[in-house]
Structure formats: C-alpha cells, structure tokens
Amino acid sequence: MQHLFTVRSVVKKFNETGSTENKVRSGRPGIFSAREKLSIIKEIKKNPKISAPHDGRQYGWRKPNTELEKQHLTPTVKHGGGSVLVWGCMAANGVGKLCFIDGIMTARTYIDILRHNLQSSAQKLGLGTSFVFQQDNDPKHTANLTWEWLLHNSPRQLKTSPQSPDINSIENLWDKLEVEVRKQNFV
C-alpha cells in the first residue's frame, strides 16, 4: 500500500512541476555572509588544522577521503623528545606535592622521592598519618627495597591487581593535567 502512495506522489509532482526533483529548501538562514564564507575557506586552505580551542585538542577541516594527505597529518614523536617524568599524589580533598624527576627512575630514586614528598603531602592534605597509600604496579613500586621502605614508613597500603588503570584513580588526574597542558602554548 505504501508503494502505491509513493508512485501517486511522484506522478502528482511530475504533473504539477514537470519534474520529479525535490524543490530547493531554504533551511535555516546562514549566519555568515558570502564574503565571510570565502574568508573562512581561504584561512582553512592555508591551515587545515585551524580550530577553535576544545579541551586542548586540535580539530581540522578537510574534504572527505583526504585524511591521509600530508597537510592533514600531525607528526608525532614515538621515542624521546618532549616528555617529562613527574611524581604526584592526590586525595579526595586535593592534590599533594608535585615532583619533577631528572634522569633515570630506579627503586632508590623512587624511595628518595617518597622520603621527601609522601609525608609532607599527607600533612598538606590534612591526612596526618592515617592515610592509605595506593600506587600502581610499576616494577620500581613493587621492588623489595621499596616494599621494605613502605612497610616502615607507610604501613597502610591498598594493593591493586596488575594492569588495572580503572582502579588507579590518579590516571584520571593525569588525563586532566594533560588536557590543561595541551591548552598552553609553549615555545
């Protein structure tokens, strides 16, 4: 029955207009003048990665099926260059100290960072000595040397299973920090 209605509708349109094409619809009025549109297109052609800021991420303008053309690709560094190693901690009521790490991280380096930052961060956060310490399962965190130091200096610990980023709440904080850093223009 639906097909009959469709056929009648097409025949009626042809008898009235002499064509089966749909009429041009006006749609929502544009907000840019023709001159402004040309100016925007010109800027996009100069730099297809031009974008309004959104969470520090960059979006691009391109025609369909041109995503692999050179002007649309963003080079990345796979090894070295531009990374910073940082130790940080947090609690429900805020963040503790942030420690920038130079050189290679070893279990001894990690213990030294904890020695100088863990208790002072707990004090800053108003936790005293009643906090439960959680870390991921990085080899430096699980080394016998580290385990022994924590046994005497932070006896209350939350153990997590390996490869469990959903349980490791600081990953969410690192993501937020990365978004904020991306918004900055470092030269």
N, C-alpha and C. Protein backbone atom coordinates (compact mmCIF):
# COMPACT_ATOMS: atom_id res chain seq x y z
N MET A 1 0.82 -1.20 0.00
CA MET A 1 0.00 0.00 0.00
C MET A 1 0.87 1.26 0.00
N GLN A 2 1.98 1.21 0.74
CA GLN A 2 2.88 2.35 0.80
C GLN A 2 3.47 2.65 -0.58
N HIS A 3 3.79 1.61 -1.33
CA HIS A 3 4.36 1.80 -2.66
C HIS A 3 3.38 2.55 -3.58
N LEU A 4 2.11 2.24 -3.46
CA LEU A 4 1.08 2.89 -4.28
C LEU A 4 1.05 4.39 -3.96
N PHE A 5 1.15 4.73 -2.68
CA PHE A 5 1.15 6.14 -2.27
C PHE A 5 2.38 6.86 -2.84
N THR A 6 3.52 6.20 -2.81
CA THR A 6 4.76 6.79 -3.31
C THR A 6 4.66 7.05 -4.81
N VAL A 7 4.17 6.08 -5.56
CA VAL A 7 4.01 6.23 -7.01
C VAL A 7 3.06 7.38 -7.31
N ARG A 8 1.94 7.45 -6.63
CA ARG A 8 0.97 8.54 -6.86
C ARG A 8 1.60 9.90 -6.55
N SER A 9 2.38 9.94 -5.50
CA SER A 9 3.04 11.19 -5.11
C SER A 9 4.03 11.65 -6.18
N VAL A 10 4.80 10.74 -6.75
CA VAL A 10 5.78 11.09 -7.78
C VAL A 10 5.05 11.54 -9.06
N VAL A 11 3.98 10.84 -9.45
CA VAL A 11 3.21 11.21 -10.64
C VAL A 11 2.60 12.60 -10.46
N LYS A 12 2.06 12.87 -9.28
CA LYS A 12 1.45 14.17 -8.99
C LYS A 12 2.50 15.28 -9.08
N LYS A 13 3.70 15.03 -8.51
CA LYS A 13 4.78 16.03 -8.55
C LYS A 13 5.17 16.32 -10.00
N PHE A 14 5.26 15.28 -10.83
CA PHE A 14 5.64 15.46 -12.23
C PHE A 14 4.57 16.26 -12.98
N ASN A 15 3.30 15.96 -12.74
CA ASN A 15 2.20 16.68 -13.41
C ASN A 15 2.18 18.15 -13.02
N GLU A 16 2.53 18.47 -11.78
CA GLU A 16 2.48 19.85 -11.30
C GLU A 16 3.72 20.65 -11.70
N THR A 17 4.89 20.02 -11.70
CA THR A 17 6.13 20.78 -11.91
C THR A 17 6.87 20.41 -13.19
N GLY A 18 6.51 19.28 -13.80
CA GLY A 18 7.22 18.83 -14.99
C GLY A 18 8.54 18.14 -14.64
N SER A 19 8.76 17.84 -13.36
CA SER A 19 9.99 17.21 -12.93
C SER A 19 9.71 16.33 -11.70
N THR A 20 10.58 15.37 -11.45
CA THR A 20 10.45 14.56 -10.23
C THR A 20 11.46 14.98 -9.16
N GLU A 21 12.26 16.02 -9.46
CA GLU A 21 13.26 16.51 -8.50
C GLU A 21 12.57 17.20 -7.32
N ASN A 22 13.20 17.10 -6.16
CA ASN A 22 12.69 17.80 -4.99
C ASN A 22 12.96 19.29 -5.13
N LYS A 23 12.09 20.11 -4.52
CA LYS A 23 12.25 21.55 -4.54
C LYS A 23 13.44 21.93 -3.64
N VAL A 24 14.08 23.04 -3.98
CA VAL A 24 15.15 23.57 -3.14
C VAL A 24 14.50 24.12 -1.88
N ARG A 25 15.04 23.69 -0.76
CA ARG A 25 14.50 24.16 0.52
C ARG A 25 15.40 25.23 1.08
N SER A 26 14.83 26.19 1.73
CA SER A 26 15.61 27.31 2.24
C SER A 26 16.40 26.92 3.49
N GLY A 27 15.84 26.13 4.36
CA GLY A 27 16.53 25.72 5.59
C GLY A 27 16.77 26.89 6.52
N ARG A 28 17.61 26.65 7.48
CA ARG A 28 17.93 27.69 8.46
C ARG A 28 18.78 28.76 7.79
N PRO A 29 18.51 30.03 8.06
CA PRO A 29 19.31 31.09 7.44
C PRO A 29 20.76 31.02 7.91
N GLY A 30 21.69 31.27 7.00
CA GLY A 30 23.10 31.24 7.35
C GLY A 30 23.47 32.41 8.24
N ILE A 31 24.56 32.24 9.01
CA ILE A 31 24.99 33.33 9.89
C ILE A 31 26.16 34.10 9.29
N PHE A 32 26.75 33.57 8.20
CA PHE A 32 27.87 34.25 7.56
C PHE A 32 27.44 34.80 6.21
N SER A 33 27.99 35.95 5.86
CA SER A 33 27.76 36.50 4.52
C SER A 33 28.63 35.72 3.53
N ALA A 34 28.38 35.91 2.25
CA ALA A 34 29.17 35.22 1.21
C ALA A 34 30.64 35.60 1.35
N ARG A 35 30.92 36.86 1.66
CA ARG A 35 32.30 37.34 1.82
C ARG A 35 32.97 36.65 3.02
N GLU A 36 32.24 36.52 4.13
CA GLU A 36 32.79 35.86 5.31
C GLU A 36 33.07 34.38 5.03
N LYS A 37 32.18 33.73 4.28
CA LYS A 37 32.40 32.32 3.93
C LYS A 37 33.68 32.16 3.12
N LEU A 38 33.89 33.04 2.14
CA LEU A 38 35.10 32.97 1.33
C LEU A 38 36.36 33.19 2.17
N SER A 39 36.26 34.10 3.14
CA SER A 39 37.40 34.38 4.02
C SER A 39 37.73 33.16 4.89
N ILE A 40 36.70 32.49 5.40
CA ILE A 40 36.90 31.28 6.22
C ILE A 40 37.52 30.17 5.38
N ILE A 41 37.01 29.97 4.18
CA ILE A 41 37.55 28.93 3.29
C ILE A 41 39.01 29.22 2.95
N LYS A 42 39.34 30.49 2.73
CA LYS A 42 40.72 30.88 2.43
C LYS A 42 41.64 30.53 3.60
N GLU A 43 41.21 30.83 4.82
CA GLU A 43 42.02 30.51 6.01
C GLU A 43 42.19 29.01 6.19
N ILE A 44 41.13 28.26 5.94
CA ILE A 44 41.19 26.80 6.07
C ILE A 44 42.14 26.20 5.04
N LYS A 45 42.14 26.76 3.82
CA LYS A 45 43.05 26.25 2.80
C LYS A 45 44.50 26.53 3.18
N LYS A 46 44.76 27.67 3.85
CA LYS A 46 46.11 27.98 4.30
C LYS A 46 46.54 27.05 5.42
N ASN A 47 45.62 26.78 6.36
CA ASN A 47 45.93 25.93 7.51
C ASN A 47 44.73 25.06 7.83
N PRO A 48 44.67 23.82 7.29
CA PRO A 48 43.51 22.97 7.51
C PRO A 48 43.35 22.54 8.97
N LYS A 49 44.38 22.75 9.79
CA LYS A 49 44.30 22.35 11.20
C LYS A 49 43.81 23.48 12.09
N ILE A 50 43.39 24.58 11.47
CA ILE A 50 42.87 25.70 12.25
C ILE A 50 41.62 25.21 13.00
N SER A 51 41.52 25.60 14.24
CA SER A 51 40.45 25.03 15.05
C SER A 51 40.13 25.95 16.22
N ALA A 52 38.90 25.89 16.65
CA ALA A 52 38.54 26.55 17.90
C ALA A 52 39.08 25.70 19.04
N PRO A 53 39.54 26.32 20.14
CA PRO A 53 40.07 25.51 21.25
C PRO A 53 38.98 24.65 21.88
N HIS A 54 39.29 23.37 22.11
CA HIS A 54 38.33 22.44 22.74
C HIS A 54 39.11 21.41 23.52
N ASP A 55 39.19 21.56 24.81
CA ASP A 55 39.91 20.64 25.69
C ASP A 55 41.37 20.47 25.29
N GLY A 56 41.97 21.49 24.68
CA GLY A 56 43.36 21.40 24.31
C GLY A 56 43.62 20.52 23.10
N ARG A 57 42.60 19.96 22.52
CA ARG A 57 42.78 19.10 21.36
C ARG A 57 42.56 19.92 20.10
N GLN A 58 43.18 19.50 19.01
CA GLN A 58 43.09 20.23 17.76
C GLN A 58 42.25 19.45 16.76
N TYR A 59 41.33 20.13 16.13
CA TYR A 59 40.49 19.52 15.11
C TYR A 59 40.80 20.18 13.78
N GLY A 60 40.58 19.48 12.69
CA GLY A 60 40.90 20.02 11.38
C GLY A 60 39.70 20.01 10.46
N TRP A 61 39.83 20.77 9.39
CA TRP A 61 38.81 20.84 8.34
C TRP A 61 39.39 20.18 7.10
N ARG A 62 38.64 19.29 6.51
CA ARG A 62 39.11 18.64 5.29
C ARG A 62 37.93 18.10 4.50
N LYS A 63 38.18 17.86 3.23
CA LYS A 63 37.18 17.25 2.38
C LYS A 63 37.18 15.75 2.63
N PRO A 64 36.07 15.07 2.32
CA PRO A 64 36.02 13.61 2.51
C PRO A 64 37.14 12.90 1.74
N ASN A 65 37.66 11.83 2.33
CA ASN A 65 38.69 10.97 1.73
C ASN A 65 40.04 11.67 1.52
N THR A 66 40.32 12.74 2.29
CA THR A 66 41.62 13.41 2.18
C THR A 66 42.39 13.32 3.50
N GLU A 67 41.94 12.47 4.42
CA GLU A 67 42.55 12.42 5.75
C GLU A 67 44.02 12.01 5.76
N LEU A 68 44.48 11.30 4.73
CA LEU A 68 45.88 10.84 4.71
C LEU A 68 46.79 11.74 3.89
N GLU A 69 46.27 12.85 3.39
CA GLU A 69 47.12 13.79 2.67
C GLU A 69 48.02 14.52 3.69
N LYS A 70 49.23 14.86 3.25
CA LYS A 70 50.27 15.38 4.16
C LYS A 70 49.79 16.57 5.01
N GLN A 71 49.06 17.50 4.43
CA GLN A 71 48.65 18.69 5.16
C GLN A 71 47.65 18.39 6.29
N HIS A 72 47.08 17.19 6.29
CA HIS A 72 46.11 16.82 7.33
C HIS A 72 46.72 15.93 8.42
N LEU A 73 47.98 15.55 8.27
CA LEU A 73 48.62 14.67 9.24
C LEU A 73 49.40 15.49 10.27
N THR A 74 49.41 15.02 11.49
CA THR A 74 50.18 15.65 12.55
C THR A 74 51.30 14.70 12.94
N PRO A 75 52.55 15.14 12.77
CA PRO A 75 53.66 14.25 13.12
C PRO A 75 53.72 14.02 14.62
N THR A 76 54.16 12.84 15.01
CA THR A 76 54.31 12.52 16.43
C THR A 76 55.71 12.02 16.68
N VAL A 77 56.14 12.15 17.92
CA VAL A 77 57.44 11.64 18.33
C VAL A 77 57.18 10.37 19.12
N LYS A 78 57.72 9.27 18.64
CA LYS A 78 57.46 7.98 19.29
C LYS A 78 58.41 7.71 20.44
N HIS A 79 59.65 8.16 20.33
CA HIS A 79 60.63 7.88 21.38
C HIS A 79 61.44 9.14 21.64
N GLY A 80 61.42 9.58 22.89
CA GLY A 80 62.23 10.72 23.29
C GLY A 80 61.64 12.04 22.82
N GLY A 81 62.20 13.10 23.35
CA GLY A 81 61.80 14.43 22.92
C GLY A 81 60.47 14.88 23.49
N GLY A 82 60.52 15.75 24.48
CA GLY A 82 59.31 16.38 24.95
C GLY A 82 58.61 15.72 26.11
N SER A 83 59.17 14.69 26.70
CA SER A 83 58.47 14.07 27.82
C SER A 83 59.06 14.55 29.14
N VAL A 84 58.24 14.55 30.16
CA VAL A 84 58.65 14.96 31.49
C VAL A 84 58.19 13.87 32.45
N LEU A 85 59.07 13.45 33.32
CA LEU A 85 58.74 12.44 34.32
C LEU A 85 58.37 13.15 35.61
N VAL A 86 57.20 12.83 36.15
CA VAL A 86 56.68 13.54 37.32
C VAL A 86 56.11 12.54 38.31
N TRP A 87 56.31 12.81 39.61
CA TRP A 87 55.64 12.06 40.67
C TRP A 87 54.62 12.99 41.28
N GLY A 88 53.43 12.49 41.53
CA GLY A 88 52.40 13.29 42.16
C GLY A 88 51.49 12.40 42.98
N CYS A 89 50.71 13.03 43.85
CA CYS A 89 49.76 12.28 44.66
C CYS A 89 48.50 13.11 44.85
N MET A 90 47.43 12.44 45.27
CA MET A 90 46.16 13.14 45.48
C MET A 90 45.35 12.41 46.52
N ALA A 91 44.39 13.13 47.04
CA ALA A 91 43.42 12.57 47.99
C ALA A 91 42.06 13.17 47.62
N ALA A 92 41.05 12.76 48.30
CA ALA A 92 39.70 13.25 48.00
C ALA A 92 39.59 14.76 48.15
N ASN A 93 40.42 15.35 49.02
CA ASN A 93 40.31 16.78 49.28
C ASN A 93 41.35 17.63 48.56
N GLY A 94 42.11 17.06 47.63
CA GLY A 94 43.05 17.88 46.88
C GLY A 94 44.25 17.10 46.39
N VAL A 95 45.25 17.86 45.95
CA VAL A 95 46.48 17.26 45.44
C VAL A 95 47.64 17.58 46.35
N GLY A 96 48.59 16.65 46.39
CA GLY A 96 49.79 16.85 47.19
C GLY A 96 50.88 17.50 46.36
N LYS A 97 52.10 17.28 46.79
CA LYS A 97 53.25 17.86 46.10
C LYS A 97 53.42 17.23 44.72
N LEU A 98 54.06 17.98 43.84
CA LEU A 98 54.40 17.51 42.51
C LEU A 98 55.92 17.54 42.42
N CYS A 99 56.51 16.45 42.02
CA CYS A 99 57.96 16.33 42.00
C CYS A 99 58.42 15.98 40.59
N PHE A 100 59.25 16.84 40.00
CA PHE A 100 59.81 16.58 38.68
C PHE A 100 61.07 15.73 38.84
N ILE A 101 61.20 14.74 37.99
CA ILE A 101 62.27 13.75 38.13
C ILE A 101 63.26 13.90 36.99
N ASP A 102 64.53 14.07 37.37
CA ASP A 102 65.60 14.14 36.37
C ASP A 102 66.28 12.79 36.29
N GLY A 103 66.64 12.39 35.09
CA GLY A 103 67.40 11.17 34.93
C GLY A 103 66.55 9.92 34.92
N ILE A 104 67.20 8.81 35.22
CA ILE A 104 66.55 7.51 35.17
C ILE A 104 65.91 7.21 36.53
N MET A 105 64.70 6.70 36.48
CA MET A 105 63.97 6.35 37.70
C MET A 105 64.32 4.93 38.10
N THR A 106 64.82 4.78 39.32
CA THR A 106 65.12 3.47 39.90
C THR A 106 64.34 3.33 41.19
N ALA A 107 64.37 2.17 41.79
CA ALA A 107 63.70 1.97 43.08
C ALA A 107 64.29 2.92 44.12
N ARG A 108 65.60 3.12 44.11
CA ARG A 108 66.24 4.05 45.07
C ARG A 108 65.77 5.48 44.84
N THR A 109 65.67 5.88 43.57
CA THR A 109 65.16 7.22 43.24
C THR A 109 63.73 7.37 43.74
N TYR A 110 62.93 6.35 43.52
CA TYR A 110 61.52 6.37 43.94
C TYR A 110 61.41 6.49 45.47
N ILE A 111 62.21 5.73 46.19
CA ILE A 111 62.19 5.81 47.66
C ILE A 111 62.60 7.21 48.11
N ASP A 112 63.58 7.79 47.45
CA ASP A 112 64.02 9.14 47.80
C ASP A 112 62.88 10.15 47.58
N ILE A 113 62.15 9.98 46.49
CA ILE A 113 61.00 10.86 46.22
C ILE A 113 59.95 10.69 47.32
N LEU A 114 59.64 9.45 47.67
CA LEU A 114 58.67 9.21 48.74
C LEU A 114 59.16 9.80 50.06
N ARG A 115 60.44 9.62 50.36
CA ARG A 115 61.03 10.12 51.61
C ARG A 115 60.83 11.63 51.75
N HIS A 116 60.98 12.35 50.62
CA HIS A 116 60.90 13.81 50.66
C HIS A 116 59.50 14.37 50.39
N ASN A 117 58.59 13.55 49.91
CA ASN A 117 57.29 14.10 49.48
C ASN A 117 56.05 13.44 50.06
N LEU A 118 56.11 12.18 50.43
CA LEU A 118 54.90 11.47 50.84
C LEU A 118 54.31 12.03 52.14
N GLN A 119 55.09 12.07 53.21
CA GLN A 119 54.57 12.57 54.49
C GLN A 119 54.19 14.05 54.43
N SER A 120 55.02 14.86 53.73
CA SER A 120 54.70 16.29 53.63
C SER A 120 53.43 16.52 52.81
N SER A 121 53.21 15.68 51.80
CA SER A 121 51.96 15.79 51.03
C SER A 121 50.77 15.40 51.90
N ALA A 122 50.93 14.35 52.70
CA ALA A 122 49.85 13.92 53.61
C ALA A 122 49.53 15.03 54.60
N GLN A 123 50.56 15.70 55.12
CA GLN A 123 50.35 16.81 56.05
C GLN A 123 49.64 17.97 55.35
N LYS A 124 50.08 18.29 54.14
CA LYS A 124 49.46 19.37 53.35
C LYS A 124 47.97 19.11 53.13
N LEU A 125 47.64 17.85 52.93
CA LEU A 125 46.25 17.46 52.67
C LEU A 125 45.45 17.25 53.96
N GLY A 126 46.11 17.42 55.10
CA GLY A 126 45.42 17.26 56.38
C GLY A 126 45.11 15.82 56.73
N LEU A 127 45.92 14.89 56.23
CA LEU A 127 45.66 13.47 56.46
C LEU A 127 46.43 12.91 57.65
N GLY A 128 47.42 13.64 58.12
CA GLY A 128 48.24 13.13 59.21
C GLY A 128 48.93 11.84 58.79
N THR A 129 48.84 10.83 59.64
CA THR A 129 49.45 9.53 59.31
C THR A 129 48.38 8.47 59.07
N SER A 130 47.13 8.89 58.96
CA SER A 130 46.03 7.92 58.84
C SER A 130 45.64 7.59 57.40
N PHE A 131 46.45 7.98 56.44
CA PHE A 131 46.09 7.75 55.05
C PHE A 131 46.41 6.32 54.61
N VAL A 132 45.73 5.89 53.55
CA VAL A 132 46.01 4.61 52.91
C VAL A 132 46.71 4.94 51.60
N PHE A 133 47.91 4.41 51.43
CA PHE A 133 48.74 4.70 50.26
C PHE A 133 48.44 3.71 49.15
N GLN A 134 48.23 4.24 47.93
CA GLN A 134 47.98 3.39 46.76
C GLN A 134 48.94 3.79 45.66
N GLN A 135 49.47 2.83 44.99
CA GLN A 135 50.33 3.06 43.83
C GLN A 135 50.06 1.98 42.80
N ASP A 136 50.56 2.19 41.58
CA ASP A 136 50.36 1.15 40.59
C ASP A 136 51.45 0.08 40.74
N ASN A 137 51.48 -0.85 39.84
CA ASN A 137 52.40 -1.99 39.96
C ASN A 137 53.66 -1.83 39.11
N ASP A 138 54.12 -0.62 38.98
CA ASP A 138 55.39 -0.38 38.29
C ASP A 138 56.49 -1.16 39.02
N PRO A 139 57.44 -1.72 38.30
CA PRO A 139 58.49 -2.51 38.95
C PRO A 139 59.23 -1.75 40.07
N LYS A 140 59.38 -0.43 39.92
CA LYS A 140 60.04 0.34 40.98
C LYS A 140 59.18 0.40 42.24
N HIS A 141 57.88 0.36 42.05
CA HIS A 141 56.94 0.42 43.19
C HIS A 141 56.86 -0.91 43.92
N THR A 142 57.13 -1.99 43.21
CA THR A 142 56.98 -3.33 43.80
C THR A 142 58.32 -3.98 44.14
N ALA A 143 59.42 -3.25 43.94
CA ALA A 143 60.75 -3.79 44.25
C ALA A 143 60.85 -4.08 45.76
N ASN A 144 61.63 -5.08 46.11
CA ASN A 144 61.81 -5.44 47.53
C ASN A 144 62.27 -4.24 48.35
N LEU A 145 63.17 -3.45 47.81
CA LEU A 145 63.69 -2.28 48.50
C LEU A 145 62.56 -1.29 48.82
N THR A 146 61.70 -1.05 47.84
CA THR A 146 60.57 -0.14 48.03
C THR A 146 59.57 -0.73 49.01
N TRP A 147 59.28 -2.01 48.86
CA TRP A 147 58.32 -2.69 49.74
C TRP A 147 58.77 -2.58 51.20
N GLU A 148 60.06 -2.77 51.42
CA GLU A 148 60.60 -2.71 52.78
C GLU A 148 60.50 -1.28 53.34
N TRP A 149 60.80 -0.28 52.52
CA TRP A 149 60.71 1.11 52.98
C TRP A 149 59.27 1.47 53.33
N LEU A 150 58.34 1.07 52.46
CA LEU A 150 56.92 1.36 52.71
C LEU A 150 56.41 0.64 53.94
N LEU A 151 56.90 -0.53 54.22
CA LEU A 151 56.49 -1.29 55.40
C LEU A 151 56.74 -0.48 56.67
N HIS A 152 57.84 0.25 56.72
CA HIS A 152 58.19 1.04 57.90
C HIS A 152 57.66 2.47 57.86
N ASN A 153 57.37 3.00 56.68
CA ASN A 153 57.01 4.41 56.56
C ASN A 153 55.58 4.67 56.10
N SER A 154 54.93 3.68 55.56
CA SER A 154 53.54 3.81 55.15
C SER A 154 52.87 2.44 55.23
N PRO A 155 52.62 1.98 56.47
CA PRO A 155 52.14 0.61 56.65
C PRO A 155 50.75 0.33 56.07
N ARG A 156 49.91 1.37 55.91
CA ARG A 156 48.57 1.15 55.36
C ARG A 156 48.61 1.38 53.85
N GLN A 157 48.50 0.28 53.09
CA GLN A 157 48.57 0.36 51.64
C GLN A 157 47.39 -0.38 51.01
N LEU A 158 46.96 0.13 49.87
CA LEU A 158 45.90 -0.53 49.10
C LEU A 158 46.58 -1.27 47.96
N LYS A 159 46.49 -2.56 47.96
CA LYS A 159 47.08 -3.38 46.89
C LYS A 159 46.13 -3.41 45.70
N THR A 160 46.67 -3.29 44.51
CA THR A 160 45.84 -3.36 43.29
C THR A 160 46.36 -4.46 42.39
N SER A 161 45.48 -5.00 41.60
CA SER A 161 45.88 -6.05 40.67
C SER A 161 46.66 -5.42 39.51
N PRO A 162 47.53 -6.19 38.87
CA PRO A 162 48.29 -5.66 37.73
C PRO A 162 47.37 -5.21 36.60
N GLN A 163 47.82 -4.21 35.88
CA GLN A 163 47.10 -3.69 34.70
C GLN A 163 45.67 -3.29 35.04
N SER A 164 45.50 -2.47 36.08
CA SER A 164 44.15 -2.07 36.48
C SER A 164 44.03 -0.54 36.53
N PRO A 165 44.08 0.13 35.36
CA PRO A 165 44.02 1.59 35.37
C PRO A 165 42.69 2.14 35.87
N ASP A 166 41.62 1.36 35.78
CA ASP A 166 40.33 1.83 36.27
C ASP A 166 40.31 1.94 37.79
N ILE A 167 41.12 1.17 38.47
CA ILE A 167 41.20 1.25 39.93
C ILE A 167 42.20 2.32 40.35
N ASN A 168 43.14 2.64 39.50
CA ASN A 168 44.17 3.62 39.80
C ASN A 168 43.62 5.01 39.50
N SER A 169 43.07 5.68 40.50
CA SER A 169 42.36 6.94 40.30
C SER A 169 43.24 8.08 39.81
N ILE A 170 44.54 8.02 40.04
CA ILE A 170 45.38 9.13 39.61
C ILE A 170 45.47 9.22 38.09
N GLU A 171 45.16 8.11 37.38
CA GLU A 171 45.16 8.16 35.91
C GLU A 171 44.18 9.22 35.40
N ASN A 172 43.05 9.38 36.08
CA ASN A 172 42.08 10.42 35.69
C ASN A 172 42.66 11.81 35.90
N LEU A 173 43.41 11.98 36.99
CA LEU A 173 44.04 13.27 37.25
C LEU A 173 45.12 13.57 36.22
N TRP A 174 45.93 12.56 35.85
CA TRP A 174 46.95 12.77 34.83
C TRP A 174 46.30 13.15 33.51
N ASP A 175 45.15 12.56 33.17
CA ASP A 175 44.45 12.90 31.94
C ASP A 175 44.02 14.36 31.96
N LYS A 176 43.47 14.80 33.10
CA LYS A 176 43.05 16.21 33.25
C LYS A 176 44.26 17.14 33.12
N LEU A 177 45.38 16.75 33.73
CA LEU A 177 46.60 17.55 33.64
C LEU A 177 47.08 17.64 32.19
N GLU A 178 47.02 16.53 31.46
CA GLU A 178 47.44 16.53 30.06
C GLU A 178 46.58 17.48 29.23
N VAL A 179 45.28 17.47 29.47
CA VAL A 179 44.36 18.37 28.74
C VAL A 179 44.73 19.82 29.02
N GLU A 180 45.01 20.15 30.28
CA GLU A 180 45.37 21.53 30.64
C GLU A 180 46.71 21.93 30.04
N VAL A 181 47.68 21.01 30.01
CA VAL A 181 48.99 21.31 29.43
C VAL A 181 48.86 21.53 27.93
N ARG A 182 48.02 20.75 27.25
CA ARG A 182 47.82 20.91 25.80
C ARG A 182 47.28 22.31 25.46
N LYS A 183 46.54 22.90 26.38
CA LYS A 183 45.95 24.23 26.13
C LYS A 183 47.02 25.32 26.13
N GLN A 184 48.17 25.04 26.73
CA GLN A 184 49.25 26.03 26.83
C GLN A 184 50.03 26.09 25.53
N ASN A 185 50.57 27.26 25.25
CA ASN A 185 51.38 27.44 24.06
C ASN A 185 52.84 27.60 24.48
N PHE A 186 53.57 26.50 24.50
CA PHE A 186 54.98 26.51 24.89
C PHE A 186 55.83 26.74 23.65
N VAL A 187 56.71 27.69 23.74
CA VAL A 187 57.59 27.99 22.60
C VAL A 187 59.03 27.81 23.00
